Amino acid sequence: MLRGELDVAAAASLSEQLAAVNRTGVSEISVDLSGLTYLDPAGVSPLVAERRRASASGATLRLESPSDFVREILTITGLAEYLGVAPEGAEGT
């Protein structure tokens, strides 16, 4: 579960962690966003990069339980669907 702020200070670490998970050969990468309180453009970058890596390796990326703020940011930017944000109420299904 991601917690706190996903900004330039946290982006590199998240990118490394997601890439490591992808290298294990999983078919789906689920990221729990329920503890995320802030998301800026630098924080979106590792999610977009992982979506590309996952797609290239035949895996899917799914972002689960975003807060209203995070969901709104991803929706306004047009990235919610691209990044695999679970529809409201669909988490855990």
C-alpha atoms as a PDB file:
ATOM      1  CA  MET A   1       0.000   0.000   0.000  1.00  0.00           C
ATOM      2  CA  LEU A   2       1.273   3.418  -0.910  1.00  0.00           C
ATOM      3  CA  ARG A   3       1.086   5.932   1.928  1.00  0.00           C
ATOM      4  CA  GLY A   4       1.508   9.677   2.189  1.00  0.00           C
ATOM      5  CA  GLU A   5       2.654  11.731  -0.754  1.00  0.00           C
ATOM      6  CA  LEU A   6       3.701  10.448  -4.145  1.00  0.00           C
ATOM      7  CA  ASP A   7       5.842  13.281  -5.416  1.00  0.00           C
ATOM      8  CA  VAL A   8       9.329  13.837  -6.808  1.00  0.00           C
ATOM      9  CA  ALA A   9      10.891  12.669  -3.524  1.00  0.00           C
ATOM     10  CA  ALA A  10       9.128   9.295  -3.643  1.00  0.00           C
ATOM     11  CA  ALA A  11       8.924   8.686  -7.394  1.00  0.00           C
ATOM     12  CA  ALA A  12      12.334   7.038  -7.937  1.00  0.00           C
ATOM     13  CA  SER A  13      11.842   4.575  -5.097  1.00  0.00           C
ATOM     14  CA  LEU A  14       8.395   3.592  -6.340  1.00  0.00           C
ATOM     15  CA  SER A  15       9.702   3.167  -9.869  1.00  0.00           C
ATOM     16  CA  GLU A  16      12.412   0.785  -8.649  1.00  0.00           C
ATOM     17  CA  GLN A  17       9.939  -1.200  -6.552  1.00  0.00           C
ATOM     18  CA  LEU A  18       7.421  -1.571  -9.372  1.00  0.00           C
ATOM     19  CA  ALA A  19      10.129  -2.591 -11.843  1.00  0.00           C
ATOM     20  CA  ALA A  20      11.345  -5.238  -9.389  1.00  0.00           C
ATOM     21  CA  VAL A  21       7.834  -6.666  -9.074  1.00  0.00           C
ATOM     22  CA  ASN A  22       7.449  -6.715 -12.840  1.00  0.00           C
ATOM     23  CA  ARG A  23      10.728  -8.618 -13.240  1.00  0.00           C
ATOM     24  CA  THR A  24       9.283 -11.480 -11.177  1.00  0.00           C
ATOM     25  CA  GLY A  25       7.031 -12.356 -14.111  1.00  0.00           C
ATOM     26  CA  VAL A  26       3.662 -11.726 -12.457  1.00  0.00           C
ATOM     27  CA  SER A  27       0.634 -11.382 -14.722  1.00  0.00           C
ATOM     28  CA  GLU A  28      -1.016  -8.601 -12.714  1.00  0.00           C
ATOM     29  CA  ILE A  29       0.458  -5.809 -10.636  1.00  0.00           C
ATOM     30  CA  SER A  30      -2.030  -4.335  -8.148  1.00  0.00           C
ATOM     31  CA  VAL A  31      -1.119  -1.140  -6.344  1.00  0.00           C
ATOM     32  CA  ASP A  32      -3.210  -0.118  -3.326  1.00  0.00           C
ATOM     33  CA  LEU A  33      -3.544   3.670  -3.345  1.00  0.00           C
ATOM     34  CA  SER A  34      -5.821   3.927  -0.302  1.00  0.00           C
ATOM     35  CA  GLY A  35      -3.111   5.483   1.875  1.00  0.00           C
ATOM     36  CA  LEU A  36      -2.014   8.010  -0.740  1.00  0.00           C
ATOM     37  CA  THR A  37      -2.882  11.572   0.282  1.00  0.00           C
ATOM     38  CA  TYR A  38      -1.139  13.524  -2.473  1.00  0.00           C
ATOM     39  CA  LEU A  39      -0.127  12.914  -6.065  1.00  0.00           C
ATOM     40  CA  ASP A  40       1.770  15.297  -8.334  1.00  0.00           C
ATOM     41  CA  PRO A  41       3.025  14.947 -11.924  1.00  0.00           C
ATOM     42  CA  ALA A  42       6.347  13.484 -10.783  1.00  0.00           C
ATOM     43  CA  GLY A  43       4.406  10.884  -8.813  1.00  0.00           C
ATOM     44  CA  VAL A  44       2.313   9.930 -11.822  1.00  0.00           C
ATOM     45  CA  SER A  45       5.433   9.257 -13.879  1.00  0.00           C
ATOM     46  CA  PRO A  46       6.418   5.912 -12.283  1.00  0.00           C
ATOM     47  CA  LEU A  47       2.827   4.700 -12.625  1.00  0.00           C
ATOM     48  CA  VAL A  48       2.814   5.527 -16.338  1.00  0.00           C
ATOM     49  CA  ALA A  49       6.244   3.892 -16.767  1.00  0.00           C
ATOM     50  CA  GLU A  50       5.056   0.756 -14.983  1.00  0.00           C
ATOM     51  CA  ARG A  51       1.935   0.595 -17.126  1.00  0.00           C
ATOM     52  CA  ARG A  52       4.214   0.563 -20.181  1.00  0.00           C
ATOM     53  CA  ARG A  53       6.552  -2.069 -18.671  1.00  0.00           C
ATOM     54  CA  ALA A  54       3.636  -4.246 -17.624  1.00  0.00           C
ATOM     55  CA  SER A  55       2.039  -4.041 -21.043  1.00  0.00           C
ATOM     56  CA  ALA A  56       5.324  -4.884 -22.756  1.00  0.00           C
ATOM     57  CA  SER A  57       5.734  -7.976 -20.573  1.00  0.00           C
ATOM     58  CA  GLY A  58       2.140  -9.121 -21.013  1.00  0.00           C
ATOM     59  CA  ALA A  59       1.077  -8.101 -17.508  1.00  0.00           C
ATOM     60  CA  THR A  60      -1.620  -5.698 -16.391  1.00  0.00           C
ATOM     61  CA  LEU A  61      -1.412  -2.840 -13.914  1.00  0.00           C
ATOM     62  CA  ARG A  62      -4.351  -2.201 -11.603  1.00  0.00           C
ATOM     63  CA  LEU A  63      -4.564   0.750  -9.233  1.00  0.00           C
ATOM     64  CA  GLU A  64      -6.894   0.028  -6.329  1.00  0.00           C
ATOM     65  CA  SER A  65      -8.744   2.149  -3.765  1.00  0.00           C
ATOM     66  CA  PRO A  66      -7.556   5.653  -4.666  1.00  0.00           C
ATOM     67  CA  SER A  67      -8.766   8.447  -2.424  1.00  0.00           C
ATOM     68  CA  ASP A  68     -11.248  10.864  -3.954  1.00  0.00           C
ATOM     69  CA  PHE A  69      -8.409  13.370  -4.454  1.00  0.00           C
ATOM     70  CA  VAL A  70      -6.135  10.885  -6.233  1.00  0.00           C
ATOM     71  CA  ARG A  71      -9.008   9.506  -8.333  1.00  0.00           C
ATOM     72  CA  GLU A  72      -9.929  13.057  -9.370  1.00  0.00           C
ATOM     73  CA  ILE A  73      -6.333  13.877 -10.382  1.00  0.00           C
ATOM     74  CA  LEU A  74      -6.079  10.718 -12.477  1.00  0.00           C
ATOM     75  CA  THR A  75      -9.494  11.293 -14.041  1.00  0.00           C
ATOM     76  CA  ILE A  76      -8.875  14.962 -14.877  1.00  0.00           C
ATOM     77  CA  THR A  77      -5.552  14.105 -16.508  1.00  0.00           C
ATOM     78  CA  GLY A  78      -7.181  11.346 -18.531  1.00  0.00           C
ATOM     79  CA  LEU A  79      -4.962   8.703 -16.957  1.00  0.00           C
ATOM     80  CA  ALA A  80      -7.478   6.811 -14.803  1.00  0.00           C
ATOM     81  CA  GLU A  81      -8.517   4.363 -17.498  1.00  0.00           C
ATOM     82  CA  TYR A  82      -5.036   4.094 -19.027  1.00  0.00           C
ATOM     83  CA  LEU A  83      -3.488   3.282 -15.659  1.00  0.00           C
ATOM     84  CA  GLY A  84      -6.113   0.706 -14.758  1.00  0.00           C
ATOM     85  CA  VAL A  85      -7.778   2.545 -11.897  1.00  0.00           C
ATOM     86  CA  ALA A  86     -10.480   0.264 -10.578  1.00  0.00           C
ATOM     87  CA  PRO A  87     -13.943   1.790 -10.997  1.00  0.00           C
ATOM     88  CA  GLU A  88     -15.474   3.171  -7.812  1.00  0.00           C
ATOM     89  CA  GLY A  89     -16.951   0.321  -5.774  1.00  0.00           C
ATOM     90  CA  ALA A  90     -15.149  -2.341  -7.829  1.00  0.00           C
ATOM     91  CA  GLU A  91     -12.137  -2.848  -5.586  1.00  0.00           C
ATOM     92  CA  GLY A  92     -11.620  -6.413  -4.509  1.00  0.00           C
ATOM     93  CA  THR A  93     -13.865  -7.871  -7.195  1.00  0.00           C
END
